[in-house]
Structure formats: C-alpha cells, structure tokens
Protein backbone atom coordinates (compact mmCIF):
# COMPACT_ATOMS: atom_id res chain seq x y z
CA MET A 1 13.12 214.14 143.50
CA LYS A 2 13.48 211.68 146.53
CA ASN A 3 17.15 211.21 145.67
CA LEU A 4 17.70 214.78 145.53
CA ILE A 5 16.09 215.39 148.89
CA LYS A 6 18.24 212.70 150.45
CA ALA A 7 21.45 213.97 148.83
CA GLY A 8 20.54 217.53 150.07
CA ARG A 9 19.86 216.28 153.74
CA ALA A 10 23.13 214.14 153.59
CA PHE A 11 25.15 217.17 152.33
CA TYR A 12 23.78 219.33 155.15
CA GLY A 13 24.15 216.67 157.89
CA VAL A 14 27.80 215.89 156.91
CA GLY A 15 28.59 219.56 156.92
CA ILE A 16 27.15 220.11 160.26
CA ALA A 17 28.91 217.06 161.76
CA GLY A 18 32.16 218.19 160.12
CA LEU A 19 32.00 221.52 161.96
CA GLY A 20 31.35 219.56 165.29
CA ILE A 21 34.34 217.42 164.74
CA GLN A 22 36.57 220.38 164.11
CA GLN A 23 35.57 221.82 167.53
CA PHE A 24 37.04 218.66 169.16
CA ILE A 25 40.27 219.05 167.14
CA TYR A 26 40.81 222.77 168.02
CA LYS A 27 39.20 222.74 171.47
CA ASP A 28 37.23 225.90 170.51
CA PHE A 29 34.13 227.03 168.89
CA ARG A 30 34.33 227.47 164.99
CA PRO A 31 33.98 231.27 164.33
CA VAL A 32 30.85 230.65 162.31
CA ILE A 33 29.24 229.16 165.51
CA MET A 34 30.42 231.74 167.99
CA PRO A 35 32.71 234.80 167.45
CA GLN A 36 36.35 234.58 168.63
CA TRP A 37 35.83 237.08 171.35
CA ALA A 38 34.19 234.32 173.38
CA SER A 39 37.51 232.24 173.53
CA PRO A 40 38.77 233.67 176.90
CA ILE A 41 35.47 232.44 178.50
CA PRO A 42 36.41 230.01 181.37
CA GLY A 43 35.76 226.48 180.38
CA ILE A 44 35.28 227.46 176.71
CA ALA A 45 36.85 224.17 175.56
CA ILE A 46 34.29 222.08 177.48
CA TRP A 47 31.45 224.09 176.00
CA ALA A 48 33.07 223.64 172.58
CA TYR A 49 33.15 219.83 173.09
CA ILE A 50 29.48 219.66 174.30
CA THR A 51 28.36 221.72 171.29
CA GLY A 52 30.64 219.82 168.92
CA ALA A 53 29.16 216.50 170.17
CA ALA A 54 25.61 217.95 169.71
CA LEU A 55 26.46 218.94 166.01
CA VAL A 56 27.92 215.61 165.36
CA ILE A 57 24.86 213.75 166.70
CA ALA A 58 22.47 216.08 165.00
CA GLY A 59 24.24 215.71 161.77
CA ALA A 60 24.38 211.93 161.90
CA ILE A 61 20.62 211.79 162.71
CA ILE A 62 19.79 214.02 159.70
CA VAL A 63 22.00 211.77 157.48
CA LEU A 64 20.73 208.45 158.65
CA SER A 65 17.15 208.94 160.09
CA LYS A 66 13.97 208.62 158.06
CA ASN A 67 12.50 211.26 160.35
CA ALA A 68 14.73 213.90 161.72
CA ARG A 69 12.22 216.57 161.82
CA LEU A 70 12.42 217.24 165.66
CA THR A 71 16.21 217.24 165.56
CA SER A 72 16.27 219.76 162.62
CA LEU A 73 13.87 222.01 164.45
CA ILE A 74 15.90 222.00 167.56
CA LEU A 75 19.05 222.60 165.49
CA GLY A 76 17.49 225.50 163.67
CA LEU A 77 16.40 227.23 166.79
CA ALA A 78 19.90 226.57 168.47
CA PHE A 79 21.71 228.20 165.43
CA LEU A 80 19.21 231.14 165.56
CA LEU A 81 19.73 231.66 169.28
CA PHE A 82 23.61 231.52 168.87
CA PHE A 83 23.18 233.96 165.90
CA ILE A 84 21.24 236.57 167.97
CA ALA A 85 22.81 236.08 171.38
CA PHE A 86 26.48 236.02 170.27
CA HIS A 87 27.00 237.21 166.69
CA VAL A 88 24.45 240.01 166.41
CA THR A 89 25.21 241.28 169.97
CA PHE A 90 28.89 241.40 169.26
CA GLN A 91 28.50 243.08 165.93
CA LEU A 92 26.09 245.80 167.10
CA PHE A 93 27.67 246.63 170.46
CA PHE A 94 31.33 245.40 170.63
CA SER A 95 32.78 245.06 167.14
CA PRO A 96 34.66 248.12 165.74
CA TYR A 97 33.58 246.96 162.30
CA ASP A 98 29.85 246.78 162.82
CA PHE A 99 28.94 248.63 159.63
CA HIS A 100 31.47 246.61 157.47
CA LEU A 101 29.55 244.13 155.48
CA GLY A 102 32.45 241.80 155.35
CA SER A 103 32.47 241.49 159.18
CA TRP A 104 28.96 239.87 159.08
CA THR A 105 30.29 236.91 156.97
CA ASP A 106 30.23 234.45 159.90
CA PRO A 107 27.03 235.73 161.36
CA LEU A 108 25.29 235.34 158.08
CA LYS A 109 26.65 231.88 157.57
CA GLU A 110 25.17 230.91 161.00
CA LEU A 111 21.88 232.40 159.88
CA ALA A 112 22.06 230.26 156.73
CA PHE A 113 22.65 227.18 158.92
CA SER A 114 19.58 227.95 160.97
CA GLY A 115 17.52 228.48 157.95
CA GLY A 116 18.81 225.29 156.41
CA ALA A 117 17.77 223.30 159.39
CA PHE A 118 14.24 224.61 159.20
CA VAL A 119 14.28 223.75 155.46
CA ILE A 120 15.32 220.21 156.32
CA ALA A 121 12.64 219.97 159.03
CA GLY A 122 10.12 221.04 156.56
CA SER A 123 11.13 218.19 154.13
CA TYR A 124 9.90 215.63 156.67
CA ALA A 125 6.34 214.77 157.50
CA LYS A 126 5.13 215.28 161.00
CA ASP A 127 5.43 212.31 163.30
CA ALA A 128 3.36 212.32 166.48
CA LEU A 129 5.67 209.69 168.01
CA TYR A 130 8.46 212.23 168.05
CA GLY A 131 6.37 215.15 169.22
CA GLY A 132 4.74 216.21 165.98
CA GLU A 133 1.77 217.60 167.88
CA SER A 134 3.62 218.81 171.00
CA SER A 135 3.49 222.49 172.01
CA PHE A 136 7.26 222.92 171.28
CA SER A 137 6.84 221.39 167.84
CA ARG A 138 3.87 223.68 166.98
CA PHE A 139 6.04 226.64 168.23
CA ALA A 140 9.10 225.52 166.17
CA ASP A 141 6.98 224.69 163.07
CA LYS A 142 6.31 228.50 162.74
CA PHE A 143 10.03 228.95 161.77
CA ILE A 144 9.92 226.57 158.97
CA PRO A 145 8.65 228.99 156.39
CA LEU A 146 11.41 231.40 157.39
CA GLY A 147 14.12 228.81 156.66
CA LYS A 148 14.59 229.52 153.03
CA ILE A 149 14.42 233.32 153.73
CA PHE A 150 17.22 233.13 156.27
CA PHE A 151 19.17 231.18 153.74
CA CYS A 152 18.44 233.46 150.92
CA ILE A 153 19.37 236.62 152.97
CA THR A 154 22.78 235.07 153.21
CA MET A 155 23.05 234.35 149.52
CA ILE A 156 21.86 237.95 148.63
CA VAL A 157 24.36 239.59 151.05
CA PHE A 158 27.26 237.31 149.83
CA GLY A 159 26.30 238.33 146.22
CA ILE A 160 26.48 242.02 147.10
CA ASP A 161 29.86 241.30 148.81
CA HIS A 162 31.29 240.17 145.41
CA PHE A 163 30.86 243.74 144.17
CA ILE A 164 32.06 245.40 147.34
CA TYR A 165 35.13 243.24 147.79
CA THR A 166 35.75 242.48 144.18
CA GLU A 167 39.59 242.73 144.41
CA PHE A 168 39.70 240.11 147.33
CA VAL A 169 37.06 237.78 145.97
CA ALA A 170 38.85 237.65 142.61
CA THR A 171 41.98 236.20 144.37
CA LEU A 172 39.88 233.25 145.42
CA VAL A 173 39.23 232.15 141.92
CA PRO A 174 41.62 229.34 140.99
CA SER A 175 44.54 230.52 138.91
CA TRP A 176 44.01 228.19 135.99
CA ILE A 177 40.57 229.74 135.41
CA PRO A 178 40.90 232.96 133.25
CA GLY A 179 38.87 236.07 133.85
CA HIS A 180 38.90 236.29 137.59
CA VAL A 181 36.94 239.59 137.74
CA PHE A 182 34.35 238.41 135.30
CA TRP A 183 33.72 235.27 137.37
CA THR A 184 33.55 237.34 140.51
CA TYR A 185 30.82 239.57 139.21
CA PHE A 186 29.05 236.53 137.63
CA ALA A 187 29.00 234.58 141.08
CA GLY A 188 27.76 237.86 142.66
CA VAL A 189 24.87 238.24 140.33
CA ALA A 190 24.08 234.53 140.54
CA LEU A 191 23.98 234.52 144.43
CA ALA A 192 21.96 237.66 144.71
CA ALA A 193 19.52 236.85 141.98
CA SER A 194 19.06 233.34 143.22
CA GLY A 195 18.26 234.52 146.76
CA VAL A 196 15.66 237.02 145.37
CA ALA A 197 14.08 234.48 142.98
CA ILE A 198 13.74 231.95 145.74
CA ILE A 199 12.13 234.35 148.14
CA LEU A 200 9.70 235.63 145.60
CA ASN A 201 8.98 232.05 144.23
CA ILE A 202 10.20 232.92 140.69
CA LYS A 203 11.04 229.53 139.21
CA ARG A 204 12.10 228.46 142.67
CA SER A 205 12.65 224.85 141.93
CA LEU A 206 14.95 225.44 138.88
CA VAL A 207 16.80 228.42 140.54
CA ALA A 208 17.41 226.55 143.81
CA PHE A 209 18.76 223.55 141.83
CA LEU A 210 21.11 225.70 139.76
CA LEU A 211 22.20 227.35 142.99
CA GLY A 212 22.91 224.06 144.48
CA ILE A 213 24.90 222.96 141.42
CA MET A 214 26.97 226.20 141.54
CA LEU A 215 27.72 225.89 145.18
CA PHE A 216 28.72 222.21 144.79
CA LEU A 217 31.01 223.13 141.93
CA TRP A 218 32.68 225.76 144.10
CA LEU A 219 33.19 222.99 146.71
CA ILE A 220 34.93 220.83 144.04
CA VAL A 221 36.85 223.43 142.23
CA LEU A 222 37.66 225.99 144.92
CA HIS A 223 37.20 224.83 148.51
CA ILE A 224 38.59 221.33 148.46
CA PRO A 225 41.86 222.37 146.53
CA ARG A 226 42.29 225.18 149.13
CA ALA A 227 41.70 222.87 152.06
CA VAL A 228 44.18 220.30 150.57
CA ALA A 229 46.74 222.99 150.00
CA ASP A 230 46.44 224.55 153.53
CA PRO A 231 44.54 222.26 155.92
CA TYR A 232 45.88 223.74 159.17
CA GLY A 233 46.05 227.40 158.42
CA THR A 234 43.90 229.73 160.66
CA LYS A 235 42.72 226.56 162.78
CA GLY A 236 41.48 224.71 159.73
CA ASN A 237 39.44 227.56 158.20
CA GLU A 238 39.70 226.22 154.73
CA ILE A 239 38.32 222.88 155.81
CA THR A 240 35.51 224.67 157.59
CA SER A 241 34.82 226.33 154.30
CA VAL A 242 34.46 222.85 152.64
CA PHE A 243 31.83 221.76 155.19
CA GLU A 244 29.96 225.15 154.81
CA ALA A 245 29.88 224.88 151.02
CA LEU A 246 28.65 221.18 151.25
CA ALA A 247 25.94 222.17 153.65
CA PHE A 248 24.76 225.18 151.71
CA SER A 249 24.53 223.34 148.37
CA GLY A 250 22.50 220.68 150.29
CA ILE A 251 20.09 223.32 151.55
CA ALA A 252 19.64 224.53 147.99
CA PHE A 253 18.92 221.04 146.70
CA VAL A 254 16.24 220.51 149.32
CA ILE A 255 14.65 223.74 148.58
CA ALA A 256 14.57 222.75 144.94
CA SER A 257 13.08 219.31 145.68
CA MET A 258 10.39 220.65 148.00
CA ALA A 259 9.38 223.35 145.47
CA LYS A 260 9.15 220.71 142.70
CA TRP A 261 7.01 218.49 145.00
CA ARG A 262 4.64 221.21 145.98
CA TYR A 263 4.25 222.26 142.26
CA LYS A 264 3.42 218.61 141.22
CA ARG A 265 0.86 218.31 144.09
CA SER A 266 -0.81 221.74 143.07
CA ASN A 267 -1.12 220.47 139.41
CA ARG A 268 -2.77 217.16 140.15
C-alpha cells in the first residue's frame, strides 16, 4: 500500500512538472491549463513561465517530499481557480461550442488535476510545522473530500464521450489491436462505471486500482507511441497527453491506496 501511494504521488508529480516544462518550451500556457483564447494577452509568455515554474516546483515537491500536503492543497485550489475563472467562463460565455461535450475536454482535465491535488493532499498526515492548523489549511482541507469527485466527474464524462464520438475515438486505438469499436465502447463503459463506483464507494479500492492500471496501459500502448511518432505536432499535444495519462493513473492509484488503508483501519 505504501509503495502504491508513493508511485501514485510520483506519477502525479511528474505529470504536473512535465506540463510546466512544456510551458517553457512553447512560451505559452498548455490548453489544459488555460484556453487558447488567452494567448493574445500582453506578456502571456511571462505568465506562462511563472506558472510553468510553479508547476515544476510543485511537482518536484510532491515527488520528493515526505509531506507535501500544503503544496498539494495550494495546487488543487490554483487548478480549481483556473478551471472556473478561465475555462468555465470561456465555455459558457464566449465559446461557440458551449454545449458540445467534446469542447469541455481540457476544462474537465483541469478539474481532474484539481481533484488529484486534493486526493494527494489527503494522503498526507497533517503537519503543524507546515500550517496544518492554520486558517488557510482548515479552509483548504474542506476540498479534500471533493477531490475524488472532481476526478470521477472527468472519468464519467470521458466515458460518455466514447459513445458520442465513437468514430473519432476508435481511430485512436493502435492499428495492431483488432476491434477498434469494441475497445472504444469497452473503455467508455470502464471509465464511466469506475467514476460512479468510486463516488458511491462501491469496491472503491479495487475499482480505483483497476482504473489506474487501465490508464497506465493506455499510457504505454497509446500515448507514448503517439508522442514518439509526433512529438512536435500541435505544440507537443501528444506529449501533453503522456503527462496527463501518467498523472491520472497516479490519482487513481492514490485513491485505491487510501480506500484500502481506511478499510483496514475500520476493520481492526
């Protein structure tokens, strides 16, 4: 269980740091962090650098520190703020595709990152030395139970996407795997069912672990080969997908570990 938590934290931290590094490479925000409409803002590159540096530092702390609770809480609130202030505002008031579920892909990924940070925070014990009893920490702690819900909302919607955009999603299945449509539907059911089961605490530990395995397999079979084949297309979007899949699998593993830990404590 300890090793799984450590692996989950490391996967999430590396994924977050990777997104930060990309912002230095492309001198702009990753679309998952801020929608592309923000690019013409004066000094956007400077803000991208600052945010990128913050992501790299936060990711490194989560990977290396024995207590990154405060960092994770700050990161979760930052992602949530960006999600509401930029993505939701754009989708509801400016985007011509506000009611197209597919246009919510990046916003929902950022919501999952926010939820993941809160999940990671909940995997650490409180430490008064780092503000465990401060007013900020008490406020931020209230979001920890929402972490898995934010993450699962994304998984459920992405599962539904597999049925709405079947033809497109099927093209993402590697050519050497037969039955593209079958695997599209299978993945859609698995994502949506996993999200519902985790929220409702139905075999949460097992379901979250299997979800983490599935996401990690996609990382190996789907995302890494696509990134290798096209590392520069659409400003490194395929590499971004690698970091996202790694982080999402890490979130699922931490949820699985924490559910197992609580189950063992309740049965002592």
